Protein backbone atom coordinates (compact mmCIF):
# COMPACT_ATOMS: atom_id res chain seq x y z
CA MET A 1 -252.55 -103.49 99.78
CA GLY A 2 -255.46 -105.62 100.27
CA GLU A 3 -256.68 -108.08 97.51
CA THR A 4 -259.35 -105.67 96.24
CA GLY A 5 -256.87 -102.82 95.92
CA MET A 6 -254.51 -105.00 94.25
CA ARG A 7 -257.12 -106.06 91.58
CA GLY A 8 -258.28 -102.47 91.28
CA ALA A 9 -254.76 -101.22 90.49
CA GLY A 10 -254.00 -104.31 88.30
CA SER A 11 -257.18 -103.55 86.13
CA THR A 12 -256.31 -99.88 85.71
CA VAL A 13 -252.72 -100.65 84.70
CA ASP A 14 -253.95 -103.49 82.37
CA ALA A 15 -256.19 -101.00 80.56
CA SER A 16 -253.19 -98.49 80.08
CA VAL A 17 -250.79 -100.99 79.05
CA ASP A 18 -253.51 -102.35 76.57
CA ALA A 19 -253.82 -98.88 75.01
CA ALA A 20 -250.12 -98.52 74.95
CA SER A 21 -249.77 -101.70 73.24
CA ARG A 22 -252.27 -100.92 70.59
CA MET A 23 -250.65 -97.59 69.91
CA ILE A 24 -247.20 -99.38 69.69
CA HIS A 25 -248.65 -101.78 67.00
CA ALA A 26 -250.28 -98.79 65.14
CA ASP A 27 -246.85 -96.93 65.07
CA ARG A 28 -245.09 -99.94 63.86
CA ARG A 29 -247.27 -100.02 60.86
CA ASN A 30 -246.70 -96.12 60.53
CA LEU A 31 -243.04 -96.90 60.79
CA ALA A 32 -243.23 -99.37 57.95
CA ASP A 33 -244.95 -96.80 55.69
CA ALA A 34 -242.33 -94.21 56.75
CA ARG A 35 -239.49 -96.50 55.55
CA ARG A 36 -240.86 -96.01 52.12
CA THR A 37 -240.76 -92.34 52.46
CA SER A 38 -238.20 -89.85 53.68
CA GLY A 39 -235.55 -90.54 56.36
CA ARG A 40 -236.97 -87.62 58.46
CA HIS A 41 -240.50 -89.35 58.77
CA ARG A 42 -238.82 -92.67 59.47
CA SER A 43 -236.86 -91.05 62.55
CA ALA A 44 -240.07 -89.44 63.90
CA ALA A 45 -241.99 -92.54 63.66
CA LEU A 46 -239.11 -94.60 65.33
CA SER A 47 -238.86 -91.98 68.13
CA ARG A 48 -242.71 -92.27 68.69
CA VAL A 49 -242.58 -96.15 68.88
CA ARG A 50 -239.63 -95.89 71.39
CA GLY A 51 -241.37 -93.41 73.44
CA LEU A 52 -244.73 -95.41 73.62
CA ALA A 53 -242.77 -98.72 74.43
CA SER A 54 -240.99 -96.68 77.30
CA ALA A 55 -244.16 -95.37 78.66
CA ALA A 56 -245.70 -98.94 78.57
CA ALA A 57 -242.63 -100.23 80.35
CA LEU A 58 -242.91 -97.74 83.04
CA ALA A 59 -246.49 -98.38 83.60
CA MET A 60 -245.72 -102.01 84.00
CA LEU A 61 -242.76 -101.44 86.27
CA ALA A 62 -245.09 -99.18 88.34
CA ALA A 63 -247.62 -101.91 88.89
CA CYS A 64 -244.94 -104.57 89.55
CA GLY A 65 -242.62 -103.14 92.06
CA GLY A 66 -240.69 -106.05 93.80
CA SER A 67 -241.39 -106.20 97.51
CA PRO A 68 -241.24 -109.87 98.29
CA HIS A 69 -243.00 -110.94 101.57
CA GLY A 70 -244.39 -114.08 103.23
CA GLN A 71 -243.41 -117.77 102.74
CA PRO A 72 -242.18 -118.89 99.27
CA VAL A 73 -244.91 -120.32 97.15
CA ARG A 74 -244.24 -123.28 94.72
CA PHE A 75 -245.95 -123.61 91.43
CA THR A 76 -245.34 -125.91 88.54
CA VAL A 77 -244.48 -125.15 84.92
CA PRO A 78 -245.57 -128.11 82.94
CA ARG A 79 -243.47 -129.35 80.09
CA HIS A 80 -244.05 -127.55 76.76
CA ALA A 81 -246.03 -124.77 78.63
CA GLY A 82 -245.89 -121.33 77.30
CA LEU A 83 -245.85 -117.94 78.99
CA SER A 84 -249.61 -117.68 79.04
CA ARG A 85 -250.02 -120.86 80.94
CA ALA A 86 -247.22 -120.08 83.24
CA ALA A 87 -248.94 -116.73 83.89
CA ASP A 88 -252.17 -118.56 84.63
CA SER A 89 -250.38 -120.75 87.29
CA LEU A 90 -248.80 -117.66 88.98
CA ALA A 91 -252.07 -115.80 89.19
CA ALA A 92 -253.93 -119.04 90.66
CA HIS A 93 -251.16 -119.21 93.32
CA GLY A 94 -251.56 -115.36 94.13
CA ILE A 95 -247.99 -114.68 93.23
CA ILE A 96 -248.84 -112.01 90.38
CA GLY A 97 -251.76 -109.69 90.27
CA SER A 98 -251.92 -109.13 86.54
CA LYS A 99 -251.47 -111.77 83.92
CA THR A 100 -251.63 -109.32 81.21
CA ILE A 101 -248.74 -107.18 82.53
CA PHE A 102 -246.60 -110.29 83.21
CA LYS A 103 -247.11 -111.63 79.51
CA LEU A 104 -246.44 -108.30 78.11
CA MET A 105 -243.19 -108.11 80.16
CA GLY A 106 -242.15 -111.35 78.85
CA ARG A 107 -242.93 -110.84 75.16
CA PHE A 108 -241.59 -107.32 74.96
CA GLY A 109 -238.69 -108.20 77.15
CA GLY A 110 -237.73 -111.12 74.95
CA LYS A 111 -238.37 -113.70 77.94
CA ARG A 112 -240.89 -115.92 76.29
CA SER A 113 -238.75 -119.04 76.20
CA ILE A 114 -239.40 -120.54 79.67
CA LYS A 115 -238.19 -123.72 81.09
CA PRO A 116 -240.50 -126.53 82.73
CA GLY A 117 -240.12 -127.53 86.39
CA VAL A 118 -241.19 -126.69 89.94
CA TYR A 119 -240.39 -123.13 91.05
CA GLU A 120 -240.26 -121.23 94.34
CA VAL A 121 -241.36 -117.53 94.38
CA ARG A 122 -242.30 -115.31 97.45
CA PRO A 123 -245.51 -113.22 96.85
CA GLY A 124 -244.57 -109.70 95.71
CA GLU A 125 -241.47 -110.78 93.76
CA SER A 126 -240.84 -108.45 90.89
CA TYR A 127 -242.29 -109.70 87.50
CA SER A 128 -238.79 -109.23 86.00
CA ARG A 129 -237.29 -111.55 88.53
CA ILE A 130 -239.81 -114.10 88.23
CA LEU A 131 -239.30 -114.10 84.48
CA ASP A 132 -235.61 -114.28 84.93
CA LYS A 133 -236.12 -117.57 87.01
CA LEU A 134 -238.27 -118.98 84.30
CA VAL A 135 -236.04 -118.27 81.34
CA ALA A 136 -233.00 -119.67 83.30
CA GLY A 137 -234.70 -122.76 84.61
CA ASP A 138 -233.89 -121.68 88.22
CA VAL A 139 -236.08 -124.59 89.65
CA VAL A 140 -236.15 -125.99 93.10
CA LYS A 141 -233.51 -128.73 93.68
CA ILE A 142 -233.13 -131.52 96.09
CA ARG A 143 -229.73 -132.78 97.31
CA LEU A 144 -229.50 -136.47 97.38
CA VAL A 145 -226.63 -138.05 99.41
CA ILE A 146 -226.10 -141.86 98.94
CA PRO A 147 -223.45 -143.25 101.22
CA GLU A 148 -221.13 -146.21 100.32
CA GLY A 149 -222.48 -149.51 101.08
CA TRP A 150 -226.24 -148.61 100.99
CA THR A 151 -228.78 -151.06 99.75
CA LEU A 152 -231.46 -150.43 97.08
CA GLN A 153 -234.04 -150.48 100.06
CA GLN A 154 -232.20 -147.61 101.79
CA ILE A 155 -231.52 -145.58 98.62
CA ALA A 156 -235.39 -145.89 97.69
CA ALA A 157 -236.20 -144.61 101.09
CA ARG A 158 -233.91 -141.64 100.78
CA ILE A 159 -235.27 -140.73 97.34
CA ALA A 160 -238.80 -140.97 98.66
CA GLN A 161 -238.10 -138.75 101.50
CA LYS A 162 -236.36 -135.92 99.51
CA ALA A 163 -238.74 -136.20 96.48
CA ALA A 164 -241.96 -136.57 98.52
CA LEU A 165 -242.76 -139.96 96.87
CA PRO A 166 -244.13 -143.20 98.25
CA ALA A 167 -241.11 -145.47 99.27
CA ASP A 168 -242.75 -148.58 98.02
CA THR A 169 -243.41 -147.10 94.60
CA VAL A 170 -239.78 -145.83 94.35
CA LEU A 171 -238.45 -149.28 95.55
CA ARG A 172 -240.66 -151.13 93.04
CA HIS A 173 -239.11 -148.99 90.23
CA LEU A 174 -235.64 -149.55 91.21
CA SER A 175 -236.12 -153.23 91.73
CA ASP A 176 -237.68 -154.02 88.53
CA PRO A 177 -235.31 -156.21 86.43
CA ALA A 178 -236.25 -154.26 83.31
CA ALA A 179 -234.75 -151.16 84.78
CA ALA A 180 -231.34 -152.78 84.95
CA LYS A 181 -231.59 -153.88 81.36
CA ARG A 182 -232.90 -150.55 80.19
CA LEU A 183 -229.82 -148.84 81.78
CA GLY A 184 -227.50 -151.35 80.50
CA VAL A 185 -225.98 -152.94 83.83
CA PRO A 186 -225.49 -156.63 84.43
CA GLY A 187 -228.22 -156.97 87.00
CA PRO A 188 -230.19 -158.65 88.24
CA THR A 189 -231.70 -155.45 89.29
CA LEU A 190 -230.14 -151.97 89.99
CA GLU A 191 -229.00 -153.08 93.31
CA GLY A 192 -225.23 -152.22 93.35
CA TYR A 193 -225.13 -150.09 90.28
CA LEU A 194 -226.61 -146.71 91.74
CA TYR A 195 -223.23 -145.16 92.58
CA PRO A 196 -222.71 -143.68 95.89
CA ALA A 197 -222.19 -139.92 95.75
CA THR A 198 -223.87 -136.79 96.24
CA TYR A 199 -226.39 -135.70 93.45
CA VAL A 200 -228.51 -132.64 92.83
CA PHE A 201 -231.72 -133.01 90.85
CA PRO A 202 -234.49 -130.55 90.07
CA LEU A 203 -237.45 -131.24 92.20
CA GLY A 204 -239.93 -133.53 90.17
CA THR A 205 -237.13 -135.43 88.30
CA PRO A 206 -238.66 -138.87 87.71
CA VAL A 207 -237.18 -141.84 89.46
CA ASP A 208 -236.06 -143.41 86.52
CA GLY A 209 -234.22 -140.07 85.60
CA MET A 210 -232.43 -140.08 89.00
CA ALA A 211 -231.47 -143.80 88.41
CA LYS A 212 -229.98 -143.03 84.97
CA THR A 213 -227.84 -140.36 86.38
CA MET A 214 -226.52 -142.68 89.21
CA VAL A 215 -225.87 -145.47 86.73
CA LYS A 216 -223.98 -143.24 84.41
CA ARG A 217 -221.75 -142.12 87.41
CA TYR A 218 -221.16 -145.81 88.19
CA GLN A 219 -220.28 -146.44 84.63
CA THR A 220 -217.43 -143.87 84.74
CA VAL A 221 -215.79 -146.00 87.40
CA TRP A 222 -215.35 -148.90 84.82
CA THR A 223 -212.30 -147.54 82.85
CA PRO A 224 -210.75 -149.67 80.20
CA PRO A 225 -207.88 -150.60 82.58
CA LEU A 226 -210.26 -151.96 85.33
CA ARG A 227 -212.18 -153.93 82.62
CA ALA A 228 -208.98 -155.41 81.42
CA ARG A 229 -207.96 -156.21 84.99
CA ALA A 230 -211.42 -158.08 85.58
CA ASP A 231 -210.99 -159.93 82.31
CA SER A 232 -207.40 -161.15 83.32
CA LEU A 233 -208.84 -162.42 86.72
CA GLY A 234 -211.63 -164.24 84.79
CA MET A 235 -214.46 -162.07 86.59
CA SER A 236 -217.33 -160.58 85.10
CA GLU A 237 -218.50 -157.02 85.68
CA ARG A 238 -221.25 -158.47 87.80
CA ASP A 239 -218.91 -160.78 89.79
CA VAL A 240 -216.74 -157.72 90.51
CA VAL A 241 -219.48 -155.63 91.89
CA THR A 242 -220.97 -158.23 93.80
CA LEU A 243 -217.85 -159.04 95.64
CA ALA A 244 -217.05 -155.28 96.07
CA SER A 245 -220.46 -154.88 97.56
CA ILE A 246 -219.56 -157.60 100.26
CA VAL A 247 -216.26 -155.89 100.92
CA GLU A 248 -217.87 -152.64 101.30
CA LYS A 249 -220.35 -153.84 103.86
CA GLU A 250 -217.48 -155.71 105.83
CA ALA A 251 -214.90 -152.82 105.90
CA LYS A 252 -215.23 -150.17 108.58
CA VAL A 253 -211.62 -149.09 107.95
CA TRP A 254 -211.29 -148.52 104.16
CA SER A 255 -207.52 -149.23 104.27
CA GLU A 256 -208.42 -152.96 105.02
CA ARG A 257 -210.57 -153.37 101.84
CA PRO A 258 -207.83 -154.97 99.71
CA THR A 259 -206.99 -157.49 102.73
CA ILE A 260 -210.76 -158.38 103.06
CA ALA A 261 -211.00 -158.77 99.25
CA ALA A 262 -207.90 -161.13 99.44
CA VAL A 263 -209.72 -163.34 102.14
CA TYR A 264 -212.63 -163.92 99.90
CA ALA A 265 -210.58 -164.43 96.79
CA ASN A 266 -208.53 -166.96 98.54
CA ARG A 267 -211.58 -168.83 99.75
CA MET A 268 -213.10 -168.89 96.23
CA ARG A 269 -209.85 -170.12 94.71
CA ILE A 270 -209.97 -173.24 97.03
CA GLY A 271 -213.66 -173.78 96.88
CA MET A 272 -214.42 -172.69 100.35
CA ARG A 273 -217.75 -170.89 101.04
CA LEU A 274 -217.48 -167.15 101.63
CA GLN A 275 -219.48 -167.30 104.89
CA ALA A 276 -220.06 -163.49 104.83
CA ASP A 277 -222.40 -162.12 107.34
CA PRO A 278 -223.59 -159.25 105.19
CA THR A 279 -224.92 -161.59 102.45
CA VAL A 280 -227.13 -163.25 105.31
CA GLN A 281 -228.30 -160.09 106.64
CA TYR A 282 -229.26 -159.05 103.03
CA ALA A 283 -231.20 -162.27 102.72
CA LEU A 284 -233.03 -161.55 106.18
CA GLY A 285 -233.82 -157.98 104.97
CA SER A 286 -232.47 -156.31 108.09
CA HIS A 287 -229.20 -155.61 109.84
CA GLN A 288 -228.12 -157.56 112.92
CA SER A 289 -225.46 -156.57 114.97
CA ARG A 290 -224.68 -160.14 115.85
CA LEU A 291 -225.81 -163.08 113.71
CA LEU A 292 -227.15 -166.09 115.49
CA TYR A 293 -227.04 -169.53 114.13
CA SER A 294 -230.89 -169.78 114.06
CA GLU A 295 -230.96 -166.68 111.69
CA ILE A 296 -228.49 -168.05 109.38
CA GLN A 297 -230.50 -171.28 109.23
CA SER A 298 -233.77 -169.26 108.63
CA VAL A 299 -232.66 -168.15 105.41
CA ALA A 300 -230.66 -171.21 104.52
CA GLY A 301 -232.55 -171.45 101.14
CA SER A 302 -231.58 -168.03 100.03
CA PRO A 303 -229.13 -167.83 97.31
CA TYR A 304 -227.75 -164.81 99.09
CA ASN A 305 -226.85 -166.82 101.94
CA THR A 306 -222.99 -167.58 101.49
CA TYR A 307 -223.04 -169.79 104.63
CA THR A 308 -225.27 -172.40 102.89
CA HIS A 309 -224.45 -171.70 99.18
CA ALA A 310 -220.98 -171.73 97.55
CA GLY A 311 -219.46 -169.05 95.40
CA LEU A 312 -220.89 -165.51 94.97
CA PRO A 313 -224.52 -164.70 95.53
CA PRO A 314 -226.56 -163.95 92.32
CA GLY A 315 -225.82 -160.17 92.40
CA PRO A 316 -224.66 -157.27 94.50
CA ILE A 317 -226.13 -156.63 98.09
CA ALA A 318 -225.20 -152.91 98.26
CA SER A 319 -223.71 -150.04 96.14
CA PRO A 320 -219.85 -150.39 96.40
CA SER A 321 -217.43 -147.38 96.06
CA LYS A 322 -214.67 -147.22 93.35
CA GLY A 323 -212.37 -148.06 96.35
CA ALA A 324 -214.20 -151.38 96.98
CA ILE A 325 -214.10 -152.19 93.27
CA GLU A 326 -210.49 -151.55 93.01
CA ALA A 327 -209.78 -153.68 96.09
CA VAL A 328 -211.57 -156.61 94.53
CA LEU A 329 -209.41 -156.05 91.25
CA HIS A 330 -206.20 -155.64 93.03
CA PRO A 331 -206.45 -157.56 96.50
CA THR A 332 -203.23 -157.94 98.69
CA ALA A 333 -201.33 -161.21 98.25
CA ASP A 334 -201.72 -162.24 101.89
CA PRO A 335 -202.79 -165.88 102.33
CA TYR A 336 -205.51 -165.17 104.97
CA LEU A 337 -208.80 -167.21 105.06
CA TYR A 338 -210.36 -165.61 108.00
CA PHE A 339 -211.04 -162.29 109.79
CA VAL A 340 -212.81 -161.15 112.97
CA ALA A 341 -214.08 -157.69 113.84
CA ARG A 342 -212.70 -156.07 116.79
CA PRO A 343 -214.69 -153.36 118.84
CA ASN A 344 -212.75 -150.47 117.12
CA GLY A 345 -213.93 -151.46 113.72
CA THR A 346 -210.70 -153.00 112.62
CA HIS A 347 -210.26 -156.72 111.90
CA VAL A 348 -207.65 -159.43 112.87
CA PHE A 349 -206.84 -161.61 109.81
CA THR A 350 -205.82 -165.18 110.23
CA LYS A 351 -204.57 -168.17 108.02
CA SER A 352 -206.09 -171.01 109.89
CA LEU A 353 -209.40 -171.95 111.88
CA ALA A 354 -207.34 -172.40 115.03
CA GLU A 355 -205.83 -168.87 114.66
CA HIS A 356 -209.25 -167.56 113.80
CA ASN A 357 -210.95 -169.10 117.09
CA ALA A 358 -208.08 -167.40 119.12
CA ALA A 359 -208.72 -164.12 117.55
CA LYS A 360 -212.36 -164.57 118.16
CA ARG A 361 -211.79 -165.10 121.94
CA GLN A 362 -209.45 -162.07 122.04
CA ALA A 363 -211.99 -159.94 120.24
CA GLN A 364 -214.85 -161.00 122.74
CA GLN A 365 -212.58 -160.22 125.50
CA GLU A 366 -211.99 -156.75 124.12
CA ALA A 367 -215.64 -156.19 123.53
CA ALA A 368 -216.40 -157.24 127.22
CA ALA A 369 -213.79 -154.79 128.54
CA ALA A 370 -215.08 -151.94 126.34
CA GLY A 371 -218.73 -152.86 127.42
CA VAL A 372 -219.69 -153.73 123.96
CA LYS A 373 -222.37 -156.50 123.58
């Protein structure tokens, strides 16, 4: 049916529904009067009200038969908006033809309490189904996957893509030290505290709301036994997460995480610099498959450069998983001080510089044989 025909039908049914509605209200008054008289009069009045209500319902259903068609249309129900405002939005988007019928169906059907959010409905969807969506809060959702070892910059880009927001705005929100303080994490920013996992958020969820959910997930990792273990090692929560983020970035094979953690723990115990490549890449702001000496020196002044600065960097460099955190808290007892990556992603762990240099030569030969640069 064309637009003109729809409007014409809507106007006719609007009028009939308005008339039925007035009759229902009049008979409700009669019913109240009947309650003060005989039971027979009360029964007759009640039957009349029910009959007119049924007639009105039939009229509404006749005008609102569900025959969905075309592409889904999105519309927003603002917070604190009522049924009337939702009907206005639906009509403006061409989803419903009669606001009057829609509102009456909601009121007489007990579906007046609707939830805010972004909804998606196909034109021609039955009014009853639309109302069910609004009452249930069946809003459009986004699925957000945050892999282990992702940086705040990567997470911000993913959120921006999924939520259709400017990436720089999202990053600015997440990088604000005030956000870390507000959400109760050690900081200095939210880097490292947005737990890597899969999340589902209603479309339109504020960035702060997403961050709060991810931080809460991170905080569930910190069980009392893990906190007690950190205390026994003399490590703060920030220390643990910072080292865990480095371990997460280094480990391609998860079973090696406790051994990598042992290397860094051993180095810190004897006052040896960590010399962790991921910290330099973090300072550079980009990932390099091979770090050159000139690149290390270009960020020599950065406190995140563990080649030029002793101890841990000021904060995490990525979001570590529970496995990486546990690896830092329970490293192996191996006396290793060095490791070198092999082409297959595993590492060769050694105790001395001479052994390390030999392992590097072997790894280079394996890479050449495999055609890896």
